[in-house]
């Protein structure tokens, strides 16, 4: 039932690009302010980047799905 309304990946790139820019700016600011060692910087990046990207994509995909279901009259 929901597969007909499932958002495809192309529209989600409009979320991915700004998130990527924000993550790069945040990493540069973090490095500039605290000057952490490389191992700590890599550890933070490995944890933060996937969480932000996956979380942002899931939220946007859910919002698109809800909007499509409401437009089709499936949800009130």
PDB file of N, CA and C in Angstrom:
ATOM      1  N   UNK A   1       0.821  -1.190   0.000  1.00  0.00           N
ATOM      2  CA  UNK A   1       0.000   0.000   0.000  1.00  0.00           C
ATOM      3  C   UNK A   1       0.872   1.263   0.000  1.00  0.00           C
ATOM      4  N   UNK A   2       1.811   1.327   0.929  1.00  0.00           N
ATOM      5  CA  UNK A   2       2.652   2.521   1.012  1.00  0.00           C
ATOM      6  C   UNK A   2       3.722   2.567  -0.069  1.00  0.00           C
ATOM      7  N   UNK A   3       4.000   1.448  -0.700  1.00  0.00           N
ATOM      8  CA  UNK A   3       5.045   1.402  -1.720  1.00  0.00           C
ATOM      9  C   UNK A   3       4.720   2.310  -2.903  1.00  0.00           C
ATOM     10  N   UNK A   4       3.448   2.510  -3.180  1.00  0.00           N
ATOM     11  CA  UNK A   4       3.056   3.402  -4.283  1.00  0.00           C
ATOM     12  C   UNK A   4       3.416   4.851  -4.003  1.00  0.00           C
ATOM     13  N   UNK A   5       3.477   5.242  -2.755  1.00  0.00           N
ATOM     14  CA  UNK A   5       3.733   6.625  -2.358  1.00  0.00           C
ATOM     15  C   UNK A   5       5.168   6.853  -1.889  1.00  0.00           C
ATOM     16  N   UNK A   6       5.968   5.811  -1.928  1.00  0.00           N
ATOM     17  CA  UNK A   6       7.348   5.871  -1.438  1.00  0.00           C
ATOM     18  C   UNK A   6       8.162   6.900  -2.223  1.00  0.00           C
ATOM     19  N   UNK A   7       8.800   7.872  -1.551  1.00  0.00           N
ATOM     20  CA  UNK A   7       9.642   8.830  -2.262  1.00  0.00           C
ATOM     21  C   UNK A   7      10.901   8.160  -2.796  1.00  0.00           C
ATOM     22  N   UNK A   8      11.274   8.525  -3.986  1.00  0.00           N
ATOM     23  CA  UNK A   8      12.498   7.999  -4.585  1.00  0.00           C
ATOM     24  C   UNK A   8      13.670   8.861  -4.140  1.00  0.00           C
ATOM     25  N   UNK A   9      14.881   8.445  -4.461  1.00  0.00           N
ATOM     26  CA  UNK A   9      16.076   9.073  -3.944  1.00  0.00           C
ATOM     27  C   UNK A   9      16.435  10.420  -4.536  1.00  0.00           C
ATOM     28  N   UNK A  10      15.969  10.757  -5.719  1.00  0.00           N
ATOM     29  CA  UNK A  10      16.431  11.980  -6.372  1.00  0.00           C
ATOM     30  C   UNK A  10      16.074  13.250  -5.616  1.00  0.00           C
ATOM     31  N   UNK A  11      14.883  13.345  -5.108  1.00  0.00           N
ATOM     32  CA  UNK A  11      14.464  14.549  -4.391  1.00  0.00           C
ATOM     33  C   UNK A  11      15.170  14.720  -3.059  1.00  0.00           C
ATOM     34  N   UNK A  12      15.684  13.642  -2.528  1.00  0.00           N
ATOM     35  CA  UNK A  12      16.343  13.704  -1.228  1.00  0.00           C
ATOM     36  C   UNK A  12      17.738  14.312  -1.310  1.00  0.00           C
ATOM     37  N   UNK A  13      18.269  14.449  -2.521  1.00  0.00           N
ATOM     38  CA  UNK A  13      19.579  15.072  -2.661  1.00  0.00           C
ATOM     39  C   UNK A  13      19.544  16.554  -2.298  1.00  0.00           C
ATOM     40  N   UNK A  14      18.366  17.164  -2.324  1.00  0.00           N
ATOM     41  CA  UNK A  14      18.239  18.552  -1.910  1.00  0.00           C
ATOM     42  C   UNK A  14      18.435  18.702  -0.404  1.00  0.00           C
ATOM     43  N   UNK A  15      18.356  17.622   0.323  1.00  0.00           N
ATOM     44  CA  UNK A  15      18.655  17.611   1.757  1.00  0.00           C
ATOM     45  C   UNK A  15      20.121  17.259   1.977  1.00  0.00           C
ATOM     46  N   UNK A  16      20.628  16.344   1.178  1.00  0.00           N
ATOM     47  CA  UNK A  16      21.988  15.851   1.357  1.00  0.00           C
ATOM     48  C   UNK A  16      23.042  16.932   1.115  1.00  0.00           C
ATOM     49  N   UNK A  17      22.865  17.731   0.093  1.00  0.00           N
ATOM     50  CA  UNK A  17      23.858  18.750  -0.229  1.00  0.00           C
ATOM     51  C   UNK A  17      23.994  19.821   0.863  1.00  0.00           C
ATOM     52  N   UNK A  18      22.902  20.440   1.340  1.00  0.00           N
ATOM     53  CA  UNK A  18      23.072  21.400   2.450  1.00  0.00           C
ATOM     54  C   UNK A  18      23.609  20.770   3.727  1.00  0.00           C
ATOM     55  N   UNK A  19      23.189  19.536   4.017  1.00  0.00           N
ATOM     56  CA  UNK A  19      23.732  18.863   5.198  1.00  0.00           C
ATOM     57  C   UNK A  19      25.231  18.652   5.075  1.00  0.00           C
ATOM     58  N   UNK A  20      25.679  18.310   3.876  1.00  0.00           N
ATOM     59  CA  UNK A  20      27.110  18.108   3.652  1.00  0.00           C
ATOM     60  C   UNK A  20      27.876  19.401   3.866  1.00  0.00           C
ATOM     61  N   UNK A  21      27.357  20.495   3.333  1.00  0.00           N
ATOM     62  CA  UNK A  21      28.012  21.793   3.531  1.00  0.00           C
ATOM     63  C   UNK A  21      28.054  22.178   5.005  1.00  0.00           C
ATOM     64  N   UNK A  22      26.959  21.932   5.727  1.00  0.00           N
ATOM     65  CA  UNK A  22      26.939  22.245   7.158  1.00  0.00           C
ATOM     66  C   UNK A  22      27.920  21.372   7.941  1.00  0.00           C
ATOM     67  N   UNK A  23      28.023  20.113   7.567  1.00  0.00           N
ATOM     68  CA  UNK A  23      28.973  19.231   8.256  1.00  0.00           C
ATOM     69  C   UNK A  23      30.416  19.649   7.989  1.00  0.00           C
ATOM     70  N   UNK A  24      30.717  20.037   6.769  1.00  0.00           N
ATOM     71  CA  UNK A  24      32.071  20.498   6.455  1.00  0.00           C
ATOM     72  C   UNK A  24      32.386  21.773   7.216  1.00  0.00           C
ATOM     73  N   UNK A  25      31.452  22.714   7.223  1.00  0.00           N
ATOM     74  CA  UNK A  25      31.665  23.969   7.955  1.00  0.00           C
ATOM     75  C   UNK A  25      31.813  23.708   9.454  1.00  0.00           C
ATOM     76  N   UNK A  26      31.010  22.800   9.977  1.00  0.00           N
ATOM     77  CA  UNK A  26      31.107  22.462  11.394  1.00  0.00           C
ATOM     78  C   UNK A  26      32.428  21.798  11.747  1.00  0.00           C
ATOM     79  N   UNK A  27      32.895  20.916  10.868  1.00  0.00           N
ATOM     80  CA  UNK A  27      34.179  20.252  11.117  1.00  0.00           C
ATOM     81  C   UNK A  27      35.329  21.258  11.074  1.00  0.00           C
ATOM     82  N   UNK A  28      35.274  22.178  10.134  1.00  0.00           N
ATOM     83  CA  UNK A  28      36.325  23.202  10.050  1.00  0.00           C
ATOM     84  C   UNK A  28      36.300  24.127  11.263  1.00  0.00           C
ATOM     85  N   UNK A  29      35.110  24.498  11.712  1.00  0.00           N
ATOM     86  CA  UNK A  29      34.986  25.361  12.889  1.00  0.00           C
ATOM     87  C   UNK A  29      35.447  24.629  14.150  1.00  0.00           C
ATOM     88  N   UNK A  30      35.080  23.352  14.274  1.00  0.00           N
ATOM     89  CA  UNK A  30      35.503  22.530  15.407  1.00  0.00           C
ATOM     90  C   UNK A  30      37.023  22.433  15.452  1.00  0.00           C
ATOM     91  N   UNK A  31      37.626  22.214  14.299  1.00  0.00           N
ATOM     92  CA  UNK A  31      39.082  22.114  14.213  1.00  0.00           C
ATOM     93  C   UNK A  31      39.738  23.447  14.537  1.00  0.00           C
ATOM     94  N   UNK A  32      39.141  24.525  14.073  1.00  0.00           N
ATOM     95  CA  UNK A  32      39.713  25.849  14.299  1.00  0.00           C
ATOM     96  C   UNK A  32      39.618  26.274  15.768  1.00  0.00           C
ATOM     97  N   UNK A  33      38.509  25.970  16.408  1.00  0.00           N
ATOM     98  CA  UNK A  33      38.308  26.400  17.795  1.00  0.00           C
ATOM     99  C   UNK A  33      39.078  25.551  18.808  1.00  0.00           C
ATOM    100  N   UNK A  34      39.049  24.235  18.655  1.00  0.00           N
ATOM    101  CA  UNK A  34      39.613  23.358  19.680  1.00  0.00           C
ATOM    102  C   UNK A  34      40.972  22.775  19.339  1.00  0.00           C
ATOM    103  N   UNK A  35      41.333  22.744  18.072  1.00  0.00           N
ATOM    104  CA  UNK A  35      42.592  22.156  17.607  1.00  0.00           C
ATOM    105  C   UNK A  35      42.819  20.755  18.197  1.00  0.00           C
ATOM    106  N   UNK A  36      41.835  19.840  17.992  1.00  0.00           N
ATOM    107  CA  UNK A  36      41.990  18.487  18.548  1.00  0.00           C
ATOM    108  C   UNK A  36      43.036  17.703  17.760  1.00  0.00           C
ATOM    109  N   UNK A  37      43.578  16.657  18.362  1.00  0.00           N
ATOM    110  CA  UNK A  37      44.484  15.793  17.595  1.00  0.00           C
ATOM    111  C   UNK A  37      43.717  15.090  16.472  1.00  0.00           C
ATOM    112  N   UNK A  38      44.454  14.640  15.482  1.00  0.00           N
ATOM    113  CA  UNK A  38      43.835  14.047  14.301  1.00  0.00           C
ATOM    114  C   UNK A  38      42.980  12.834  14.642  1.00  0.00           C
ATOM    115  N   UNK A  39      43.423  12.003  15.561  1.00  0.00           N
ATOM    116  CA  UNK A  39      42.663  10.811  15.911  1.00  0.00           C
ATOM    117  C   UNK A  39      41.310  11.173  16.540  1.00  0.00           C
ATOM    118  N   UNK A  40      41.293  12.230  17.338  1.00  0.00           N
ATOM    119  CA  UNK A  40      40.034  12.658  17.948  1.00  0.00           C
ATOM    120  C   UNK A  40      39.107  13.264  16.900  1.00  0.00           C
ATOM    121  N   UNK A  41      39.676  14.035  16.000  1.00  0.00           N
ATOM    122  CA  UNK A  41      38.875  14.635  14.925  1.00  0.00           C
ATOM    123  C   UNK A  41      38.245  13.544  14.059  1.00  0.00           C
ATOM    124  N   UNK A  42      39.014  12.531  13.709  1.00  0.00           N
ATOM    125  CA  UNK A  42      38.482  11.435  12.908  1.00  0.00           C
ATOM    126  C   UNK A  42      37.415  10.652  13.669  1.00  0.00           C
ATOM    127  N   UNK A  43      37.621  10.452  14.957  1.00  0.00           N
ATOM    128  CA  UNK A  43      36.634   9.734  15.758  1.00  0.00           C
ATOM    129  C   UNK A  43      35.313  10.492  15.817  1.00  0.00           C
ATOM    130  N   UNK A  44      35.389  11.799  15.987  1.00  0.00           N
ATOM    131  CA  UNK A  44      34.174  12.617  16.029  1.00  0.00           C
ATOM    132  C   UNK A  44      33.476  12.596  14.673  1.00  0.00           C
ATOM    133  N   UNK A  45      34.237  12.717  13.607  1.00  0.00           N
ATOM    134  CA  UNK A  45      33.650  12.735  12.271  1.00  0.00           C
ATOM    135  C   UNK A  45      32.990  11.402  11.947  1.00  0.00           C
ATOM    136  N   UNK A  46      33.641  10.304  12.315  1.00  0.00           N
ATOM    137  CA  UNK A  46      33.095   8.971  12.024  1.00  0.00           C
ATOM    138  C   UNK A  46      31.775   8.746  12.755  1.00  0.00           C
ATOM    139  N   UNK A  47      31.604   9.351  13.907  1.00  0.00           N
ATOM    140  CA  UNK A  47      30.370   9.177  14.666  1.00  0.00           C
ATOM    141  C   UNK A  47      29.295  10.169  14.218  1.00  0.00           C
ATOM    142  N   UNK A  48      29.664  11.418  14.028  1.00  0.00           N
ATOM    143  CA  UNK A  48      28.688  12.479  13.764  1.00  0.00           C
ATOM    144  C   UNK A  48      28.147  12.443  12.334  1.00  0.00           C
ATOM    145  N   UNK A  49      29.006  12.297  11.356  1.00  0.00           N
ATOM    146  CA  UNK A  49      28.580  12.406   9.956  1.00  0.00           C
ATOM    147  C   UNK A  49      27.523  11.360   9.583  1.00  0.00           C
ATOM    148  N   UNK A  50      27.740  10.073   9.832  1.00  0.00           N
ATOM    149  CA  UNK A  50      26.669   9.127   9.470  1.00  0.00           C
ATOM    150  C   UNK A  50      25.364   9.379  10.219  1.00  0.00           C
ATOM    151  N   UNK A  51      25.459   9.758  11.482  1.00  0.00           N
ATOM    152  CA  UNK A  51      24.246  10.030  12.247  1.00  0.00           C
ATOM    153  C   UNK A  51      23.448  11.190  11.689  1.00  0.00           C
ATOM    154  N   UNK A  52      24.126  12.262  11.331  1.00  0.00           N
ATOM    155  CA  UNK A  52      23.436  13.431  10.786  1.00  0.00           C
ATOM    156  C   UNK A  52      22.857  13.130   9.403  1.00  0.00           C
ATOM    157  N   UNK A  53      23.633  12.493   8.548  1.00  0.00           N
ATOM    158  CA  UNK A  53      23.168  12.196   7.195  1.00  0.00           C
ATOM    159  C   UNK A  53      21.999  11.217   7.226  1.00  0.00           C
ATOM    160  N   UNK A  54      22.134  10.123   7.955  1.00  0.00           N
ATOM    161  CA  UNK A  54      21.053   9.136   8.012  1.00  0.00           C
ATOM    162  C   UNK A  54      19.817   9.728   8.678  1.00  0.00           C
ATOM    163  N   UNK A  55      20.013  10.446   9.769  1.00  0.00           N
ATOM    164  CA  UNK A  55      18.867  11.065  10.445  1.00  0.00           C
ATOM    165  C   UNK A  55      18.157  12.091   9.575  1.00  0.00           C
ATOM    166  N   UNK A  56      18.919  12.933   8.898  1.00  0.00           N
ATOM    167  CA  UNK A  56      18.309  13.932   8.028  1.00  0.00           C
ATOM    168  C   UNK A  56      17.569  13.320   6.856  1.00  0.00           C
ATOM    169  N   UNK A  57      18.155  12.294   6.265  1.00  0.00           N
ATOM    170  CA  UNK A  57      17.498  11.625   5.141  1.00  0.00           C
ATOM    171  C   UNK A  57      16.219  10.905   5.584  1.00  0.00           C
ATOM    172  N   UNK A  58      16.265  10.277   6.744  1.00  0.00           N
ATOM    173  CA  UNK A  58      15.072   9.575   7.234  1.00  0.00           C
ATOM    174  C   UNK A  58      13.947  10.559   7.557  1.00  0.00           C
ATOM    175  N   UNK A  59      14.297  11.691   8.171  1.00  0.00           N
ATOM    176  CA  UNK A  59      13.269  12.694   8.484  1.00  0.00           C
ATOM    177  C   UNK A  59      12.652  13.258   7.209  1.00  0.00           C
ATOM    178  N   UNK A  60      13.482  13.560   6.223  1.00  0.00           N
ATOM    179  CA  UNK A  60      12.964  14.120   4.978  1.00  0.00           C
ATOM    180  C   UNK A  60      12.129  13.099   4.214  1.00  0.00           C
ATOM    181  N   UNK A  61      12.560  11.858   4.208  1.00  0.00           N
ATOM    182  CA  UNK A  61      11.805  10.810   3.516  1.00  0.00           C
ATOM    183  C   UNK A  61      10.451  10.603   4.197  1.00  0.00           C
ATOM    184  N   UNK A  62      10.423  10.631   5.511  1.00  0.00           N
ATOM    185  CA  UNK A  62       9.157  10.490   6.241  1.00  0.00           C
ATOM    186  C   UNK A  62       8.235  11.667   5.962  1.00  0.00           C
ATOM    187  N   UNK A  63       8.798  12.875   5.921  1.00  0.00           N
ATOM    188  CA  UNK A  63       7.980  14.063   5.631  1.00  0.00           C
ATOM    189  C   UNK A  63       7.406  13.993   4.213  1.00  0.00           C
ATOM    190  N   UNK A  64       8.206  13.557   3.250  1.00  0.00           N
ATOM    191  CA  UNK A  64       7.712  13.423   1.881  1.00  0.00           C
ATOM    192  C   UNK A  64       6.633  12.351   1.782  1.00  0.00           C
ATOM    193  N   UNK A  65       6.826  11.244   2.470  1.00  0.00           N
ATOM    194  CA  UNK A  65       5.827  10.181   2.454  1.00  0.00           C
ATOM    195  C   UNK A  65       4.511  10.651   3.055  1.00  0.00           C
ATOM    196  N   UNK A  66       4.573  11.347   4.179  1.00  0.00           N
ATOM    197  CA  UNK A  66       3.353  11.864   4.811  1.00  0.00           C
ATOM    198  C   UNK A  66       2.668  12.872   3.899  1.00  0.00           C
ATOM    199  N   UNK A  67       3.439  13.748   3.252  1.00  0.00           N
ATOM    200  CA  UNK A  67       2.843  14.724   2.343  1.00  0.00           C
ATOM    201  C   UNK A  67       2.165  14.047   1.164  1.00  0.00           C
ATOM    202  N   UNK A  68       2.792  13.007   0.603  1.00  0.00           N
ATOM    203  CA  UNK A  68       2.171  12.291  -0.518  1.00  0.00           C
ATOM    204  C   UNK A  68       0.929  11.538  -0.089  1.00  0.00           C
ATOM    205  N   UNK A  69       0.945  10.955   1.096  1.00  0.00           N
ATOM    206  CA  UNK A  69      -0.231  10.235   1.580  1.00  0.00           C
ATOM    207  C   UNK A  69      -1.382  11.197   1.860  1.00  0.00           C
ATOM    208  N   UNK A  70      -1.089  12.370   2.390  1.00  0.00           N
ATOM    209  CA  UNK A  70      -2.129  13.363   2.619  1.00  0.00           C
ATOM    210  C   UNK A  70      -2.692  13.900   1.314  1.00  0.00           C
ATOM    211  N   UNK A  71      -1.823  14.106   0.336  1.00  0.00           N
ATOM    212  CA  UNK A  71      -2.290  14.601  -0.969  1.00  0.00           C
ATOM    213  C   UNK A  71      -3.173  13.567  -1.669  1.00  0.00           C
ATOM    214  N   UNK A  72      -2.908  12.291  -1.439  1.00  0.00           N
ATOM    215  CA  UNK A  72      -3.700  11.239  -2.053  1.00  0.00           C
ATOM    216  C   UNK A  72      -4.974  10.941  -1.255  1.00  0.00           C
ATOM    217  N   UNK A  73      -5.107  11.532  -0.075  1.00  0.00           N
ATOM    218  CA  UNK A  73      -6.290  11.318   0.738  1.00  0.00           C
ATOM    219  C   UNK A  73      -6.242  10.077   1.600  1.00  0.00           C
ATOM    220  N   UNK A  74      -5.082   9.448   1.685  1.00  0.00           N
ATOM    221  CA  UNK A  74      -4.951   8.249   2.521  1.00  0.00           C
ATOM    222  C   UNK A  74      -4.887   8.635   3.990  1.00  0.00           C
ATOM    223  N   UNK A  75      -4.201   9.727   4.301  1.00  0.00           N
ATOM    224  CA  UNK A  75      -4.134  10.243   5.671  1.00  0.00           C
ATOM    225  C   UNK A  75      -5.015  11.483   5.792  1.00  0.00           C
ATOM    226  N   UNK A  76      -5.554  11.650   6.968  1.00  0.00           N
ATOM    227  CA  UNK A  76      -6.418  12.820   7.183  1.00  0.00           C
ATOM    228  C   UNK A  76      -5.613  14.061   7.451  1.00  0.00           C
TER     229      UNK A  76
END
